[in-house]
């Protein structure tokens, strides 16, 4: 990462740790961080979530997809020492960390998560993850659809302009 990107990440971390960042300010900072990461020569931007896509394995991470009755289950395995920026989530859903550990930065604060762990993702959540040990993270989304791209479009947003994400 370049010096500005590193400084911006450090600023996000410090303000998140101290609890001195509002949801609106966090969103502004994470949007700027994402723009800088996209411009970084060694970054990979996922354009598809399909299992057999050529980009299914990106920066050493891999995805696996399963469908149950009314559910889409996604497993991502992320290698040690990588930084990931999650999608912007639209729906409340559970997640499970089955293996490894990661520092998670979100508008809720900074948290070290170690397997086994589970939590609930709320609409509007976007996270920066630093992977300390190879991490297996599972999300479960309610849906009757079986096309991965359609499910992803229903449960995530490309930006914070979606009506469900408005800050009141």
C-alpha atoms as a PDB file:
ATOM      1  CA  UNK A   1       0.000   0.000   0.000  1.00  0.00           C
ATOM      2  CA  UNK A   2       1.133   3.530  -0.558  1.00  0.00           C
ATOM      3  CA  UNK A   3       1.801   5.941   2.301  1.00  0.00           C
ATOM      4  CA  UNK A   4      -1.590   7.729   2.019  1.00  0.00           C
ATOM      5  CA  UNK A   5      -3.530   4.443   2.031  1.00  0.00           C
ATOM      6  CA  UNK A   6      -1.579   3.262   5.064  1.00  0.00           C
ATOM      7  CA  UNK A   7      -2.195   6.576   6.867  1.00  0.00           C
ATOM      8  CA  UNK A   8      -5.922   6.431   6.062  1.00  0.00           C
ATOM      9  CA  UNK A   9      -6.146   2.869   7.377  1.00  0.00           C
ATOM     10  CA  UNK A  10      -4.291   3.884  10.546  1.00  0.00           C
ATOM     11  CA  UNK A  11      -6.693   6.820  10.958  1.00  0.00           C
ATOM     12  CA  UNK A  12      -9.707   4.508  10.617  1.00  0.00           C
ATOM     13  CA  UNK A  13      -8.186   2.113  13.159  1.00  0.00           C
ATOM     14  CA  UNK A  14      -7.378   4.856  15.693  1.00  0.00           C
ATOM     15  CA  UNK A  15     -10.791   6.513  15.479  1.00  0.00           C
ATOM     16  CA  UNK A  16     -12.546   3.150  15.609  1.00  0.00           C
ATOM     17  CA  UNK A  17     -10.509   2.033  18.647  1.00  0.00           C
ATOM     18  CA  UNK A  18     -11.229   5.243  20.499  1.00  0.00           C
ATOM     19  CA  UNK A  19     -14.932   5.161  19.641  1.00  0.00           C
ATOM     20  CA  UNK A  20     -14.678   8.663  18.194  1.00  0.00           C
ATOM     21  CA  UNK A  21     -16.031   7.919  14.731  1.00  0.00           C
ATOM     22  CA  UNK A  22     -19.649   8.261  13.653  1.00  0.00           C
ATOM     23  CA  UNK A  23     -21.312   5.832  11.261  1.00  0.00           C
ATOM     24  CA  UNK A  24     -21.365   8.585   8.619  1.00  0.00           C
ATOM     25  CA  UNK A  25     -17.646   9.374   9.058  1.00  0.00           C
ATOM     26  CA  UNK A  26     -16.784   5.667   9.008  1.00  0.00           C
ATOM     27  CA  UNK A  27     -18.627   5.271   5.701  1.00  0.00           C
ATOM     28  CA  UNK A  28     -16.791   8.260   4.205  1.00  0.00           C
ATOM     29  CA  UNK A  29     -13.425   6.894   5.315  1.00  0.00           C
ATOM     30  CA  UNK A  30     -14.109   3.335   4.139  1.00  0.00           C
ATOM     31  CA  UNK A  31     -15.277   4.609   0.721  1.00  0.00           C
ATOM     32  CA  UNK A  32     -12.010   6.562   0.356  1.00  0.00           C
ATOM     33  CA  UNK A  33     -10.006   3.559   1.560  1.00  0.00           C
ATOM     34  CA  UNK A  34     -11.739   1.320  -1.004  1.00  0.00           C
ATOM     35  CA  UNK A  35     -10.940   3.761  -3.829  1.00  0.00           C
ATOM     36  CA  UNK A  36      -7.274   3.763  -2.832  1.00  0.00           C
ATOM     37  CA  UNK A  37      -7.148  -0.029  -2.518  1.00  0.00           C
ATOM     38  CA  UNK A  38      -8.685  -0.429  -5.987  1.00  0.00           C
ATOM     39  CA  UNK A  39      -5.833   1.694  -7.391  1.00  0.00           C
ATOM     40  CA  UNK A  40      -3.149  -0.343  -5.611  1.00  0.00           C
ATOM     41  CA  UNK A  41      -1.264  -2.470  -8.158  1.00  0.00           C
ATOM     42  CA  UNK A  42      -1.311  -5.672  -6.086  1.00  0.00           C
ATOM     43  CA  UNK A  43      -5.001  -5.525  -5.207  1.00  0.00           C
ATOM     44  CA  UNK A  44      -7.638  -7.804  -6.665  1.00  0.00           C
ATOM     45  CA  UNK A  45     -11.224  -6.667  -7.054  1.00  0.00           C
ATOM     46  CA  UNK A  46     -13.815  -9.407  -7.188  1.00  0.00           C
ATOM     47  CA  UNK A  47     -16.177  -8.941 -10.116  1.00  0.00           C
ATOM     48  CA  UNK A  48     -18.095 -12.194  -9.743  1.00  0.00           C
ATOM     49  CA  UNK A  49     -19.027 -14.615  -6.990  1.00  0.00           C
ATOM     50  CA  UNK A  50     -19.682 -17.632  -9.217  1.00  0.00           C
ATOM     51  CA  UNK A  51     -17.891 -20.757  -8.020  1.00  0.00           C
ATOM     52  CA  UNK A  52     -16.326 -21.748 -11.306  1.00  0.00           C
ATOM     53  CA  UNK A  53     -15.380 -18.272 -12.439  1.00  0.00           C
ATOM     54  CA  UNK A  54     -11.749 -17.691 -13.354  1.00  0.00           C
ATOM     55  CA  UNK A  55     -11.511 -15.272 -10.422  1.00  0.00           C
ATOM     56  CA  UNK A  56     -13.009 -17.728  -7.915  1.00  0.00           C
ATOM     57  CA  UNK A  57      -9.655 -17.829  -6.202  1.00  0.00           C
ATOM     58  CA  UNK A  58      -8.420 -14.294  -5.621  1.00  0.00           C
ATOM     59  CA  UNK A  59      -5.330 -13.294  -3.661  1.00  0.00           C
ATOM     60  CA  UNK A  60      -5.228 -16.816  -2.258  1.00  0.00           C
ATOM     61  CA  UNK A  61      -8.814 -16.738  -0.979  1.00  0.00           C
ATOM     62  CA  UNK A  62     -11.362 -19.255  -2.171  1.00  0.00           C
ATOM     63  CA  UNK A  63     -15.146 -19.405  -2.162  1.00  0.00           C
ATOM     64  CA  UNK A  64     -17.507 -22.326  -1.815  1.00  0.00           C
ATOM     65  CA  UNK A  65     -21.270 -22.089  -2.292  1.00  0.00           C
ATOM     66  CA  UNK A  66     -24.097 -24.288  -1.052  1.00  0.00           C
ATOM     67  CA  UNK A  67     -27.873 -23.992  -1.060  1.00  0.00           C
ATOM     68  CA  UNK A  68     -30.310 -25.329   1.510  1.00  0.00           C
ATOM     69  CA  UNK A  69     -34.057 -24.895   1.727  1.00  0.00           C
ATOM     70  CA  UNK A  70     -34.430 -21.119   1.673  1.00  0.00           C
ATOM     71  CA  UNK A  71     -30.721 -20.460   2.297  1.00  0.00           C
ATOM     72  CA  UNK A  72     -27.535 -19.589   0.473  1.00  0.00           C
ATOM     73  CA  UNK A  73     -24.397 -20.553   2.395  1.00  0.00           C
ATOM     74  CA  UNK A  74     -21.054 -19.063   1.391  1.00  0.00           C
ATOM     75  CA  UNK A  75     -17.715 -20.177   2.775  1.00  0.00           C
ATOM     76  CA  UNK A  76     -14.653 -18.025   2.162  1.00  0.00           C
ATOM     77  CA  UNK A  77     -11.186 -19.205   3.133  1.00  0.00           C
ATOM     78  CA  UNK A  78      -8.743 -16.311   3.492  1.00  0.00           C
ATOM     79  CA  UNK A  79      -4.975 -16.763   3.838  1.00  0.00           C
ATOM     80  CA  UNK A  80      -2.809 -15.294   6.579  1.00  0.00           C
ATOM     81  CA  UNK A  81      -1.498 -11.712   6.327  1.00  0.00           C
ATOM     82  CA  UNK A  82      -4.083 -10.491   3.818  1.00  0.00           C
ATOM     83  CA  UNK A  83      -6.422  -7.489   4.051  1.00  0.00           C
ATOM     84  CA  UNK A  84      -9.982  -7.828   2.783  1.00  0.00           C
ATOM     85  CA  UNK A  85     -12.770  -5.315   2.399  1.00  0.00           C
ATOM     86  CA  UNK A  86     -16.205  -6.873   2.659  1.00  0.00           C
ATOM     87  CA  UNK A  87     -19.249  -6.011   0.630  1.00  0.00           C
ATOM     88  CA  UNK A  88     -21.851  -3.636   2.028  1.00  0.00           C
ATOM     89  CA  UNK A  89     -24.520  -5.870   3.547  1.00  0.00           C
ATOM     90  CA  UNK A  90     -28.253  -5.250   3.065  1.00  0.00           C
ATOM     91  CA  UNK A  91     -29.837  -7.871   5.307  1.00  0.00           C
ATOM     92  CA  UNK A  92     -29.426  -9.230   8.805  1.00  0.00           C
ATOM     93  CA  UNK A  93     -27.758 -12.637   8.632  1.00  0.00           C
ATOM     94  CA  UNK A  94     -25.537 -14.891  10.739  1.00  0.00           C
ATOM     95  CA  UNK A  95     -21.855 -15.521  10.162  1.00  0.00           C
ATOM     96  CA  UNK A  96     -19.547 -18.131  11.631  1.00  0.00           C
ATOM     97  CA  UNK A  97     -15.756 -18.084  11.901  1.00  0.00           C
ATOM     98  CA  UNK A  98     -14.763 -21.727  11.906  1.00  0.00           C
ATOM     99  CA  UNK A  99     -10.978 -21.431  11.767  1.00  0.00           C
ATOM    100  CA  UNK A 100      -8.311 -18.788  12.307  1.00  0.00           C
ATOM    101  CA  UNK A 101      -8.301 -15.239  13.581  1.00  0.00           C
ATOM    102  CA  UNK A 102      -8.790 -11.771  12.156  1.00  0.00           C
ATOM    103  CA  UNK A 103      -8.863  -8.180  13.274  1.00  0.00           C
ATOM    104  CA  UNK A 104     -12.178  -6.735  12.150  1.00  0.00           C
ATOM    105  CA  UNK A 105     -12.708  -3.005  11.704  1.00  0.00           C
ATOM    106  CA  UNK A 106     -16.271  -1.765  11.291  1.00  0.00           C
ATOM    107  CA  UNK A 107     -18.454   1.118  12.376  1.00  0.00           C
ATOM    108  CA  UNK A 108     -19.032  -0.881  15.582  1.00  0.00           C
ATOM    109  CA  UNK A 109     -15.347  -0.700  16.487  1.00  0.00           C
ATOM    110  CA  UNK A 110     -12.209  -2.781  16.284  1.00  0.00           C
ATOM    111  CA  UNK A 111     -12.391  -6.413  17.341  1.00  0.00           C
ATOM    112  CA  UNK A 112     -10.123  -9.437  17.337  1.00  0.00           C
ATOM    113  CA  UNK A 113     -12.180 -12.454  16.291  1.00  0.00           C
ATOM    114  CA  UNK A 114     -10.869 -15.952  16.899  1.00  0.00           C
ATOM    115  CA  UNK A 115     -12.503 -19.223  15.888  1.00  0.00           C
ATOM    116  CA  UNK A 116     -14.849 -20.592  16.924  1.00  0.00           C
ATOM    117  CA  UNK A 117     -17.022 -17.494  16.763  1.00  0.00           C
ATOM    118  CA  UNK A 118     -20.419 -16.443  15.474  1.00  0.00           C
ATOM    119  CA  UNK A 119     -22.209 -13.153  15.103  1.00  0.00           C
ATOM    120  CA  UNK A 120     -24.978 -11.319  13.298  1.00  0.00           C
ATOM    121  CA  UNK A 121     -24.329  -8.943  10.436  1.00  0.00           C
ATOM    122  CA  UNK A 122     -26.653  -5.930  10.326  1.00  0.00           C
ATOM    123  CA  UNK A 123     -27.712  -3.933   7.235  1.00  0.00           C
ATOM    124  CA  UNK A 124     -25.118  -1.301   6.367  1.00  0.00           C
ATOM    125  CA  UNK A 125     -22.201  -3.314   7.743  1.00  0.00           C
ATOM    126  CA  UNK A 126     -18.962  -3.166   5.799  1.00  0.00           C
ATOM    127  CA  UNK A 127     -15.774  -4.532   7.315  1.00  0.00           C
ATOM    128  CA  UNK A 128     -12.036  -4.336   6.840  1.00  0.00           C
ATOM    129  CA  UNK A 129     -10.432  -7.629   7.838  1.00  0.00           C
ATOM    130  CA  UNK A 130      -6.778  -8.294   8.565  1.00  0.00           C
ATOM    131  CA  UNK A 131      -6.214 -12.053   8.626  1.00  0.00           C
ATOM    132  CA  UNK A 132      -3.774 -13.171  11.363  1.00  0.00           C
ATOM    133  CA  UNK A 133      -4.202 -16.913  10.747  1.00  0.00           C
ATOM    134  CA  UNK A 134      -5.867 -18.605   7.772  1.00  0.00           C
ATOM    135  CA  UNK A 135      -9.535 -17.868   8.324  1.00  0.00           C
ATOM    136  CA  UNK A 136     -12.638 -19.810   7.309  1.00  0.00           C
ATOM    137  CA  UNK A 137     -15.687 -17.503   7.436  1.00  0.00           C
ATOM    138  CA  UNK A 138     -19.203 -18.751   6.652  1.00  0.00           C
ATOM    139  CA  UNK A 139     -22.241 -16.568   5.963  1.00  0.00           C
ATOM    140  CA  UNK A 140     -25.846 -17.744   5.698  1.00  0.00           C
ATOM    141  CA  UNK A 141     -28.382 -15.697   3.724  1.00  0.00           C
ATOM    142  CA  UNK A 142     -32.135 -16.231   3.427  1.00  0.00           C
ATOM    143  CA  UNK A 143     -33.189 -16.709  -0.204  1.00  0.00           C
ATOM    144  CA  UNK A 144     -35.065 -19.042  -2.490  1.00  0.00           C
ATOM    145  CA  UNK A 145     -32.856 -18.096  -5.434  1.00  0.00           C
ATOM    146  CA  UNK A 146     -30.095 -20.399  -6.649  1.00  0.00           C
ATOM    147  CA  UNK A 147     -28.208 -18.058  -8.995  1.00  0.00           C
ATOM    148  CA  UNK A 148     -25.266 -16.742  -6.979  1.00  0.00           C
ATOM    149  CA  UNK A 149     -25.115 -13.379  -8.771  1.00  0.00           C
ATOM    150  CA  UNK A 150     -28.848 -12.803  -8.123  1.00  0.00           C
ATOM    151  CA  UNK A 151     -28.425 -13.683  -4.445  1.00  0.00           C
ATOM    152  CA  UNK A 152     -25.427 -11.355  -4.080  1.00  0.00           C
ATOM    153  CA  UNK A 153     -27.417  -8.528  -5.719  1.00  0.00           C
ATOM    154  CA  UNK A 154     -30.227  -9.092  -3.182  1.00  0.00           C
ATOM    155  CA  UNK A 155     -28.063  -9.239  -0.055  1.00  0.00           C
ATOM    156  CA  UNK A 156     -25.316  -6.685  -0.785  1.00  0.00           C
ATOM    157  CA  UNK A 157     -25.000  -3.208  -2.267  1.00  0.00           C
ATOM    158  CA  UNK A 158     -22.243  -1.594  -4.310  1.00  0.00           C
ATOM    159  CA  UNK A 159     -22.684   1.681  -2.420  1.00  0.00           C
ATOM    160  CA  UNK A 160     -24.433   3.316   0.517  1.00  0.00           C
ATOM    161  CA  UNK A 161     -27.156   4.920  -1.628  1.00  0.00           C
ATOM    162  CA  UNK A 162     -29.545   1.975  -1.197  1.00  0.00           C
ATOM    163  CA  UNK A 163     -32.730   3.013   0.696  1.00  0.00           C
ATOM    164  CA  UNK A 164     -32.111   0.367   3.402  1.00  0.00           C
ATOM    165  CA  UNK A 165     -28.768   1.983   4.216  1.00  0.00           C
ATOM    166  CA  UNK A 166     -29.823   5.552   4.883  1.00  0.00           C
ATOM    167  CA  UNK A 167     -28.528   6.924   8.179  1.00  0.00           C
ATOM    168  CA  UNK A 168     -31.379   8.365  10.225  1.00  0.00           C
END
